Amino acid sequence: EKPEALKEIDMIIQQSDGIMVARGDLGVEMPFDE
């Protein structure tokens, strides 16, 4: 839900057991059209 997370998303997915696309805060923190 933070733009910073997208910069190292592959490593975040690797370290996690799963991810959530949290569109609420993500759509506020960055342009909704993206």
Full PDB file with SEQRES, HELIX, SHEET, SSBOND, CRYST1, ORIGX, SCALE, CONECT and MASTER records, all heavy atoms in Angstrom:
SEQRES   1 A   34  GLU LYS PRO GLU ALA LEU LYS GLU ILE ASP MET ILE ILE          
SEQRES   2 A   34  GLN GLN SER ASP GLY ILE MET VAL ALA ARG GLY ASP LEU          
SEQRES   3 A   34  GLY VAL GLU MET PRO PHE ASP GLU                              
HELIX    1 AA1 PRO A    3  LYS A    7  1                                   5    
HELIX    2 AA2 ILE A    9  GLN A   15  1                                   7    
HELIX    3 AA3 ARG A   23  GLU A   29  1                                   7    
CRYST1    1.000    1.000    1.000  90.00  90.00  90.00 P 1           1          
ORIGX1      1.000000  0.000000  0.000000        0.00000                         
ORIGX2      0.000000  1.000000  0.000000        0.00000                         
ORIGX3      0.000000  0.000000  1.000000        0.00000                         
SCALE1      1.000000  0.000000  0.000000        0.00000                         
SCALE2      0.000000  1.000000  0.000000        0.00000                         
SCALE3      0.000000  0.000000  1.000000        0.00000                         
ATOM      1  N   GLU A   1       0.819  -1.212   0.000  1.00  0.00           N  
ATOM      2  CA  GLU A   1       0.000   0.000   0.000  1.00  0.00           C  
ATOM      3  C   GLU A   1       0.853   1.262   0.000  1.00  0.00           C  
ATOM      4  O   GLU A   1       0.333   2.367   0.171  1.00  0.00           O  
ATOM      5  CB  GLU A   1      -0.957  -0.007   1.201  1.00  0.00           C  
ATOM      6  CG  GLU A   1      -0.311  -0.357   2.526  1.00  0.00           C  
ATOM      7  CD  GLU A   1      -1.327  -0.765   3.599  1.00  0.00           C  
ATOM      8  OE1 GLU A   1      -2.499  -0.365   3.504  1.00  0.00           O  
ATOM      9  OE2 GLU A   1      -0.933  -1.483   4.531  1.00  0.00           O  
ATOM     10  N   LYS A   2       2.164   1.114  -0.174  1.00  0.00           N  
ATOM     11  CA  LYS A   2       3.081   2.262  -0.238  1.00  0.00           C  
ATOM     12  C   LYS A   2       3.864   2.196  -1.549  1.00  0.00           C  
ATOM     13  O   LYS A   2       4.318   1.127  -1.957  1.00  0.00           O  
ATOM     14  CB  LYS A   2       4.077   2.239   0.927  1.00  0.00           C  
ATOM     15  CG  LYS A   2       3.455   2.319   2.309  1.00  0.00           C  
ATOM     16  CD  LYS A   2       2.955   3.712   2.632  1.00  0.00           C  
ATOM     17  CE  LYS A   2       4.089   4.679   2.888  1.00  0.00           C  
ATOM     18  NZ  LYS A   2       3.597   6.032   3.255  1.00  0.00           N  
ATOM     19  N   PRO A   3       4.062   3.330  -2.234  1.00  0.00           N  
ATOM     20  CA  PRO A   3       4.839   3.324  -3.482  1.00  0.00           C  
ATOM     21  C   PRO A   3       6.259   2.783  -3.296  1.00  0.00           C  
ATOM     22  O   PRO A   3       6.798   2.138  -4.196  1.00  0.00           O  
ATOM     23  CB  PRO A   3       4.870   4.812  -3.875  1.00  0.00           C  
ATOM     24  CG  PRO A   3       3.700   5.416  -3.186  1.00  0.00           C  
ATOM     25  CD  PRO A   3       3.535   4.659  -1.909  1.00  0.00           C  
ATOM     26  N   GLU A   4       6.844   3.015  -2.098  1.00  0.00           N  
ATOM     27  CA  GLU A   4       8.213   2.535  -1.854  1.00  0.00           C  
ATOM     28  C   GLU A   4       8.312   1.019  -1.993  1.00  0.00           C  
ATOM     29  O   GLU A   4       9.346   0.486  -2.407  1.00  0.00           O  
ATOM     30  CB  GLU A   4       8.693   2.929  -0.454  1.00  0.00           C  
ATOM     31  CG  GLU A   4       8.783   4.427  -0.216  1.00  0.00           C  
ATOM     32  CD  GLU A   4       7.592   4.950   0.556  1.00  0.00           C  
ATOM     33  OE1 GLU A   4       6.450   4.746   0.092  1.00  0.00           O  
ATOM     34  OE2 GLU A   4       7.797   5.565   1.622  1.00  0.00           O  
ATOM     35  N   ALA A   5       7.236   0.319  -1.642  1.00  0.00           N  
ATOM     36  CA  ALA A   5       7.259  -1.149  -1.691  1.00  0.00           C  
ATOM     37  C   ALA A   5       7.438  -1.653  -3.114  1.00  0.00           C  
ATOM     38  O   ALA A   5       8.040  -2.712  -3.335  1.00  0.00           O  
ATOM     39  CB  ALA A   5       5.971  -1.713  -1.097  1.00  0.00           C  
ATOM     40  N   LEU A   6       6.940  -0.912  -4.087  1.00  0.00           N  
ATOM     41  CA  LEU A   6       7.026  -1.357  -5.479  1.00  0.00           C  
ATOM     42  C   LEU A   6       8.464  -1.345  -5.991  1.00  0.00           C  
ATOM     43  O   LEU A   6       8.793  -2.049  -6.953  1.00  0.00           O  
ATOM     44  CB  LEU A   6       6.147  -0.468  -6.360  1.00  0.00           C  
ATOM     45  CG  LEU A   6       4.654  -0.459  -5.995  1.00  0.00           C  
ATOM     46  CD1 LEU A   6       3.902   0.517  -6.872  1.00  0.00           C  
ATOM     47  CD2 LEU A   6       4.054  -1.853  -6.114  1.00  0.00           C  
ATOM     48  N   LYS A   7       9.330  -0.557  -5.346  1.00  0.00           N  
ATOM     49  CA  LYS A   7      10.732  -0.454  -5.803  1.00  0.00           C  
ATOM     50  C   LYS A   7      11.522  -1.735  -5.547  1.00  0.00           C  
ATOM     51  O   LYS A   7      12.484  -2.022  -6.246  1.00  0.00           O  
ATOM     52  CB  LYS A   7      11.415   0.738  -5.123  1.00  0.00           C  
ATOM     53  CG  LYS A   7      10.816   2.085  -5.503  1.00  0.00           C  
ATOM     54  CD  LYS A   7      11.446   3.225  -4.718  1.00  0.00           C  
ATOM     55  CE  LYS A   7      10.787   4.559  -5.062  1.00  0.00           C  
ATOM     56  NZ  LYS A   7      11.330   5.677  -4.253  1.00  0.00           N  
ATOM     57  N   GLU A   8      11.144  -2.497  -4.523  1.00  0.00           N  
ATOM     58  CA  GLU A   8      11.820  -3.776  -4.287  1.00  0.00           C  
ATOM     59  C   GLU A   8      10.783  -4.886  -4.065  1.00  0.00           C  
ATOM     60  O   GLU A   8      10.909  -5.711  -3.168  1.00  0.00           O  
ATOM     61  CB  GLU A   8      12.814  -3.684  -3.134  1.00  0.00           C  
ATOM     62  CG  GLU A   8      12.327  -3.105  -1.827  1.00  0.00           C  
ATOM     63  CD  GLU A   8      13.441  -3.123  -0.774  1.00  0.00           C  
ATOM     64  OE1 GLU A   8      13.693  -4.181  -0.196  1.00  0.00           O  
ATOM     65  OE2 GLU A   8      14.068  -2.055  -0.573  1.00  0.00           O  
ATOM     66  N   ILE A   9       9.774  -4.874  -4.933  1.00  0.00           N  
ATOM     67  CA  ILE A   9       8.642  -5.787  -4.750  1.00  0.00           C  
ATOM     68  C   ILE A   9       9.049  -7.247  -4.878  1.00  0.00           C  
ATOM     69  O   ILE A   9       8.528  -8.117  -4.171  1.00  0.00           O  
ATOM     70  CB  ILE A   9       7.499  -5.438  -5.736  1.00  0.00           C  
ATOM     71  CG1 ILE A   9       6.238  -6.256  -5.412  1.00  0.00           C  
ATOM     72  CG2 ILE A   9       7.917  -5.636  -7.177  1.00  0.00           C  
ATOM     73  CD1 ILE A   9       5.662  -5.986  -4.052  1.00  0.00           C  
ATOM     74  N   ASP A  10       9.988  -7.567  -5.774  1.00  0.00           N  
ATOM     75  CA  ASP A  10      10.389  -8.964  -5.949  1.00  0.00           C  
ATOM     76  C   ASP A  10      11.004  -9.520  -4.668  1.00  0.00           C  
ATOM     77  O   ASP A  10      10.721 -10.665  -4.279  1.00  0.00           O  
ATOM     78  CB  ASP A  10      11.386  -9.096  -7.110  1.00  0.00           C  
ATOM     79  CG  ASP A  10      10.731  -8.793  -8.454  1.00  0.00           C  
ATOM     80  OD1 ASP A  10       9.561  -9.176  -8.640  1.00  0.00           O  
ATOM     81  OD2 ASP A  10      11.375  -8.165  -9.309  1.00  0.00           O  
ATOM     82  N   MET A  11      11.819  -8.717  -3.993  1.00  0.00           N  
ATOM     83  CA  MET A  11      12.441  -9.151  -2.750  1.00  0.00           C  
ATOM     84  C   MET A  11      11.403  -9.247  -1.630  1.00  0.00           C  
ATOM     85  O   MET A  11      11.463 -10.154  -0.788  1.00  0.00           O  
ATOM     86  CB  MET A  11      13.558  -8.187  -2.352  1.00  0.00           C  
ATOM     87  CG  MET A  11      14.363  -8.652  -1.142  1.00  0.00           C  
ATOM     88  SD  MET A  11      15.243 -10.204  -1.421  1.00  0.00           S  
ATOM     89  CE  MET A  11      16.509  -9.639  -2.575  1.00  0.00           C  
ATOM     90  N   ILE A  12      10.441  -8.337  -1.621  1.00  0.00           N  
ATOM     91  CA  ILE A  12       9.377  -8.379  -0.615  1.00  0.00           C  
ATOM     92  C   ILE A  12       8.561  -9.657  -0.770  1.00  0.00           C  
ATOM     93  O   ILE A  12       8.267 -10.346   0.209  1.00  0.00           O  
ATOM     94  CB  ILE A  12       8.473  -7.135  -0.720  1.00  0.00           C  
ATOM     95  CG1 ILE A  12       9.228  -5.894  -0.217  1.00  0.00           C  
ATOM     96  CG2 ILE A  12       7.180  -7.326   0.070  1.00  0.00           C  
ATOM     97  CD1 ILE A  12       8.491  -4.585  -0.437  1.00  0.00           C  
ATOM     98  N   ILE A  13       8.205  -9.999  -2.005  1.00  0.00           N  
ATOM     99  CA  ILE A  13       7.448 -11.230  -2.248  1.00  0.00           C  
ATOM    100  C   ILE A  13       8.273 -12.444  -1.827  1.00  0.00           C  
ATOM    101  O   ILE A  13       7.758 -13.378  -1.209  1.00  0.00           O  
ATOM    102  CB  ILE A  13       7.040 -11.341  -3.732  1.00  0.00           C  
ATOM    103  CG1 ILE A  13       6.063 -10.220  -4.103  1.00  0.00           C  
ATOM    104  CG2 ILE A  13       6.414 -12.704  -4.022  1.00  0.00           C  
ATOM    105  CD1 ILE A  13       5.740 -10.130  -5.583  1.00  0.00           C  
ATOM    106  N   GLN A  14       9.567 -12.414  -2.140  1.00  0.00           N  
ATOM    107  CA  GLN A  14      10.444 -13.530  -1.784  1.00  0.00           C  
ATOM    108  C   GLN A  14      10.508 -13.743  -0.279  1.00  0.00           C  
ATOM    109  O   GLN A  14      10.471 -14.876   0.209  1.00  0.00           O  
ATOM    110  CB  GLN A  14      11.846 -13.274  -2.334  1.00  0.00           C  
ATOM    111  CG  GLN A  14      12.831 -14.409  -2.055  1.00  0.00           C  
ATOM    112  CD  GLN A  14      14.218 -14.100  -2.594  1.00  0.00           C  
ATOM    113  OE1 GLN A  14      14.361 -13.455  -3.631  1.00  0.00           O  
ATOM    114  NE2 GLN A  14      15.253 -14.526  -1.905  1.00  0.00           N  
ATOM    115  N   GLN A  15      10.585 -12.664   0.495  1.00  0.00           N  
ATOM    116  CA  GLN A  15      10.708 -12.768   1.943  1.00  0.00           C  
ATOM    117  C   GLN A  15       9.376 -13.070   2.627  1.00  0.00           C  
ATOM    118  O   GLN A  15       9.353 -13.599   3.738  1.00  0.00           O  
ATOM    119  CB  GLN A  15      11.294 -11.467   2.512  1.00  0.00           C  
ATOM    120  CG  GLN A  15      12.745 -11.214   2.166  1.00  0.00           C  
ATOM    121  CD  GLN A  15      13.671 -12.272   2.744  1.00  0.00           C  
ATOM    122  OE1 GLN A  15      13.401 -12.879   3.767  1.00  0.00           O  
ATOM    123  NE2 GLN A  15      14.790 -12.501   2.077  1.00  0.00           N  
ATOM    124  N   SER A  16       8.265 -12.753   1.964  1.00  0.00           N  
ATOM    125  CA  SER A  16       6.942 -12.950   2.553  1.00  0.00           C  
ATOM    126  C   SER A  16       6.431 -14.359   2.274  1.00  0.00           C  
ATOM    127  O   SER A  16       6.950 -15.075   1.427  1.00  0.00           O  
ATOM    128  CB  SER A  16       5.949 -11.935   1.978  1.00  0.00           C  
ATOM    129  OG  SER A  16       6.415 -10.614   2.132  1.00  0.00           O  
ATOM    130  N   ASP A  17       5.355 -14.722   2.980  1.00  0.00           N  
ATOM    131  CA  ASP A  17       4.655 -15.966   2.682  1.00  0.00           C  
ATOM    132  C   ASP A  17       3.473 -15.706   1.759  1.00  0.00           C  
ATOM    133  O   ASP A  17       2.824 -16.639   1.286  1.00  0.00           O  
ATOM    134  CB  ASP A  17       4.166 -16.615   3.984  1.00  0.00           C  
ATOM    135  CG  ASP A  17       5.337 -16.979   4.896  1.00  0.00           C  
ATOM    136  OD1 ASP A  17       6.162 -17.809   4.503  1.00  0.00           O  
ATOM    137  OD2 ASP A  17       5.421 -16.397   5.999  1.00  0.00           O  
ATOM    138  N   GLY A  18       3.195 -14.433   1.498  1.00  0.00           N  
ATOM    139  CA  GLY A  18       2.130 -14.032   0.598  1.00  0.00           C  
ATOM    140  C   GLY A  18       2.014 -12.516   0.621  1.00  0.00           C  
ATOM    141  O   GLY A  18       2.642 -11.853   1.453  1.00  0.00           O  
ATOM    142  N   ILE A  19       1.246 -11.941  -0.307  1.00  0.00           N  
ATOM    143  CA  ILE A  19       1.072 -10.484  -0.320  1.00  0.00           C  
ATOM    144  C   ILE A  19      -0.410 -10.134  -0.441  1.00  0.00           C  
ATOM    145  O   ILE A  19      -1.234 -10.952  -0.843  1.00  0.00           O  
ATOM    146  CB  ILE A  19       1.858  -9.795  -1.451  1.00  0.00           C  
ATOM    147  CG1 ILE A  19       1.244 -10.109  -2.816  1.00  0.00           C  
ATOM    148  CG2 ILE A  19       3.324 -10.153  -1.409  1.00  0.00           C  
ATOM    149  CD1 ILE A  19       1.731  -9.177  -3.913  1.00  0.00           C  
ATOM    150  N   MET A  20      -0.714  -8.906  -0.067  1.00  0.00           N  
ATOM    151  CA  MET A  20      -2.058  -8.356  -0.230  1.00  0.00           C  
ATOM    152  C   MET A  20      -1.962  -7.087  -1.058  1.00  0.00           C  
ATOM    153  O   MET A  20      -1.173  -6.192  -0.727  1.00  0.00           O  
ATOM    154  CB  MET A  20      -2.691  -8.033   1.125  1.00  0.00           C  
ATOM    155  CG  MET A  20      -4.118  -7.487   1.037  1.00  0.00           C  
ATOM    156  SD  MET A  20      -4.732  -6.858   2.633  1.00  0.00           S  
ATOM    157  CE  MET A  20      -4.784  -8.367   3.595  1.00  0.00           C  
ATOM    158  N   VAL A  21      -2.722  -7.027  -2.139  1.00  0.00           N  
ATOM    159  CA  VAL A  21      -2.810  -5.805  -2.935  1.00  0.00           C  
ATOM    160  C   VAL A  21      -3.847  -4.926  -2.249  1.00  0.00           C  
ATOM    161  O   VAL A  21      -5.052  -5.048  -2.485  1.00  0.00           O  
ATOM    162  CB  VAL A  21      -3.218  -6.102  -4.388  1.00  0.00           C  
ATOM    163  CG1 VAL A  21      -3.123  -4.831  -5.236  1.00  0.00           C  
ATOM    164  CG2 VAL A  21      -2.347  -7.202  -4.986  1.00  0.00           C  
ATOM    165  N   ALA A  22      -3.370  -4.045  -1.363  1.00  0.00           N  
ATOM    166  CA  ALA A  22      -4.252  -3.220  -0.525  1.00  0.00           C  
ATOM    167  C   ALA A  22      -4.599  -1.945  -1.290  1.00  0.00           C  
ATOM    168  O   ALA A  22      -3.962  -0.899  -1.130  1.00  0.00           O  
ATOM    169  CB  ALA A  22      -3.577  -2.912   0.809  1.00  0.00           C  
ATOM    170  N   ARG A  23      -5.628  -2.026  -2.119  1.00  0.00           N  
ATOM    171  CA  ARG A  23      -5.895  -0.967  -3.094  1.00  0.00           C  
ATOM    172  C   ARG A  23      -6.371   0.333  -2.469  1.00  0.00           C  
ATOM    173  O   ARG A  23      -6.316   1.378  -3.116  1.00  0.00           O  
ATOM    174  CB  ARG A  23      -6.919  -1.473  -4.112  1.00  0.00           C  
ATOM    175  CG  ARG A  23      -6.476  -2.760  -4.801  1.00  0.00           C  
ATOM    176  CD  ARG A  23      -7.462  -3.235  -5.823  1.00  0.00           C  
ATOM    177  NE  ARG A  23      -8.797  -3.442  -5.265  1.00  0.00           N  
ATOM    178  CZ  ARG A  23      -9.838  -3.856  -5.988  1.00  0.00           C  
ATOM    179  NH1 ARG A  23      -9.688  -4.114  -7.272  1.00  0.00           N  
ATOM    180  NH2 ARG A  23     -11.022  -4.029  -5.426  1.00  0.00           N  
ATOM    181  N   GLY A  24      -6.843   0.292  -1.209  1.00  0.00           N  
ATOM    182  CA  GLY A  24      -7.331   1.510  -0.572  1.00  0.00           C  
ATOM    183  C   GLY A  24      -6.239   2.542  -0.400  1.00  0.00           C  
ATOM    184  O   GLY A  24      -6.233   3.592  -1.051  1.00  0.00           O  
ATOM    185  N   ASP A  25      -5.279   2.242   0.490  1.00  0.00           N  
ATOM    186  CA  ASP A  25      -4.184   3.190   0.717  1.00  0.00           C  
ATOM    187  C   ASP A  25      -3.277   3.307  -0.500  1.00  0.00           C  
ATOM    188  O   ASP A  25      -2.751   4.379  -0.787  1.00  0.00           O  
ATOM    189  CB  ASP A  25      -3.366   2.764   1.937  1.00  0.00           C  
ATOM    190  CG  ASP A  25      -4.026   3.219   3.237  1.00  0.00           C  
ATOM    191  OD1 ASP A  25      -3.974   4.426   3.529  1.00  0.00           O  
ATOM    192  OD2 ASP A  25      -4.616   2.385   3.943  1.00  0.00           O  
ATOM    193  N   LEU A  26      -3.100   2.215  -1.250  1.00  0.00           N  
ATOM    194  CA  LEU A  26      -2.257   2.274  -2.445  1.00  0.00           C  
ATOM    195  C   LEU A  26      -2.819   3.268  -3.451  1.00  0.00           C  
ATOM    196  O   LEU A  26      -2.084   4.043  -4.072  1.00  0.00           O  
ATOM    197  CB  LEU A  26      -2.151   0.882  -3.082  1.00  0.00           C  
ATOM    198  CG  LEU A  26      -1.190   0.744  -4.262  1.00  0.00           C  
ATOM    199  CD1 LEU A  26       0.240   1.040  -3.840  1.00  0.00           C  
ATOM    200  CD2 LEU A  26      -1.282  -0.648  -4.875  1.00  0.00           C  
ATOM    201  N   GLY A  27      -4.159   3.290  -3.587  1.00  0.00           N  
ATOM    202  CA  GLY A  27      -4.799   4.199  -4.524  1.00  0.00           C  
ATOM    203  C   GLY A  27      -4.803   5.644  -4.068  1.00  0.00           C  
ATOM    204  O   GLY A  27      -5.072   6.544  -4.865  1.00  0.00           O  
ATOM    205  N   VAL A  28      -4.511   5.855  -2.785  1.00  0.00           N  
ATOM    206  CA  VAL A  28      -4.402   7.214  -2.264  1.00  0.00           C  
ATOM    207  C   VAL A  28      -2.952   7.684  -2.339  1.00  0.00           C  
ATOM    208  O   VAL A  28      -2.668   8.836  -2.667  1.00  0.00           O  
ATOM    209  CB  VAL A  28      -4.901   7.284  -0.801  1.00  0.00           C  
ATOM    210  CG1 VAL A  28      -4.676   8.673  -0.221  1.00  0.00           C  
ATOM    211  CG2 VAL A  28      -6.387   6.931  -0.740  1.00  0.00           C  
ATOM    212  N   GLU A  29      -2.026   6.790  -2.056  1.00  0.00           N  
ATOM    213  CA  GLU A  29      -0.602   7.127  -2.025  1.00  0.00           C  
ATOM    214  C   GLU A  29      -0.025   7.362  -3.418  1.00  0.00           C  
ATOM    215  O   GLU A  29       1.012   7.990  -3.565  1.00  0.00           O  
ATOM    216  CB  GLU A  29       0.184   6.002  -1.339  1.00  0.00           C  
ATOM    217  CG  GLU A  29      -0.101   5.849   0.145  1.00  0.00           C  
ATOM    218  CD  GLU A  29       0.800   6.727   1.003  1.00  0.00           C  
ATOM    219  OE1 GLU A  29       1.783   7.265   0.469  1.00  0.00           O  
ATOM    220  OE2 GLU A  29       0.516   6.864   2.207  1.00  0.00           O  
ATOM    221  N   MET A  30      -0.664   6.810  -4.437  1.00  0.00           N  
ATOM    222  CA  MET A  30      -0.163   6.989  -5.801  1.00  0.00           C  
ATOM    223  C   MET A  30      -1.336   7.211  -6.748  1.00  0.00           C  
ATOM    224  O   MET A  30      -2.493   7.003  -6.362  1.00  0.00           O  
ATOM    225  CB  MET A  30       0.668   5.776  -6.230  1.00  0.00           C  
ATOM    226  CG  MET A  30      -0.055   4.467  -6.255  1.00  0.00           C  
ATOM    227  SD  MET A  30       1.103   3.109  -6.526  1.00  0.00           S  
ATOM    228  CE  MET A  30       2.008   3.711  -7.952  1.00  0.00           C  
ATOM    229  N   PRO A  31      -1.098   7.638  -7.987  1.00  0.00           N  
ATOM    230  CA  PRO A  31      -2.207   7.922  -8.908  1.00  0.00           C  
ATOM    231  C   PRO A  31      -3.140   6.728  -9.079  1.00  0.00           C  
ATOM    232  O   PRO A  31      -2.693   5.611  -9.337  1.00  0.00           O  
ATOM    233  CB  PRO A  31      -1.483   8.255 -10.220  1.00  0.00           C  
ATOM    234  CG  PRO A  31      -0.140   8.767  -9.802  1.00  0.00           C  
ATOM    235  CD  PRO A  31       0.221   7.961  -8.579  1.00  0.00           C  
ATOM    236  N   PHE A  32      -4.441   6.969  -8.920  1.00  0.00           N  
ATOM    237  CA  PHE A  32      -5.419   5.888  -8.968  1.00  0.00           C  
ATOM    238  C   PHE A  32      -5.429   5.170 -10.308  1.00  0.00           C  
ATOM    239  O   PHE A  32      -5.754   3.984 -10.396  1.00  0.00           O  
ATOM    240  CB  PHE A  32      -6.820   6.421  -8.640  1.00  0.00           C  
ATOM    241  CG  PHE A  32      -7.329   7.470  -9.601  1.00  0.00           C  
ATOM    242  CD1 PHE A  32      -7.932   7.108 -10.790  1.00  0.00           C  
ATOM    243  CD2 PHE A  32      -7.203   8.821  -9.299  1.00  0.00           C  
ATOM    244  CE1 PHE A  32      -8.395   8.068 -11.678  1.00  0.00           C  
ATOM    245  CE2 PHE A  32      -7.666   9.787 -10.175  1.00  0.00           C  
ATOM    246  CZ  PHE A  32      -8.264   9.410 -11.377  1.00  0.00           C  
ATOM    247  N   ASP A  33      -5.075   5.898 -11.391  1.00  0.00           N  
ATOM    248  CA  ASP A  33      -5.115   5.283 -12.715  1.00  0.00           C  
ATOM    249  C   ASP A  33      -4.044   4.211 -12.893  1.00  0.00           C  
ATOM    250  O   ASP A  33      -4.119   3.381 -13.814  1.00  0.00           O  
ATOM    251  CB  ASP A  33      -4.964   6.348 -13.806  1.00  0.00           C  
ATOM    252  CG  ASP A  33      -3.739   7.228 -13.592  1.00  0.00           C  
ATOM    253  OD1 ASP A  33      -3.682   7.933 -12.572  1.00  0.00           O  
ATOM    254  OD2 ASP A  33      -2.825   7.185 -14.441  1.00  0.00           O  
ATOM    255  N   GLU A  34      -3.038   4.193 -12.008  1.00  0.00           N  
ATOM    256  CA  GLU A  34      -1.974   3.204 -12.113  1.00  0.00           C  
ATOM    257  C   GLU A  34      -2.297   1.912 -11.367  1.00  0.00           C  
ATOM    258  O   GLU A  34      -1.667   0.873 -11.593  1.00  0.00           O  
ATOM    259  CB  GLU A  34      -0.660   3.795 -11.572  1.00  0.00           C  
ATOM    260  CG  GLU A  34      -0.151   4.989 -12.361  1.00  0.00           C  
ATOM    261  CD  GLU A  34       1.150   5.559 -11.787  1.00  0.00           C  
ATOM    262  OE1 GLU A  34       1.807   4.841 -11.010  1.00  0.00           O  
ATOM    263  OE2 GLU A  34       1.497   6.707 -12.115  1.00  0.00           O  
TER     264      GLU A  34                                                      
MASTER        0    0    0    3    0    0    0    6  263    1    0    3          
END                                                                             
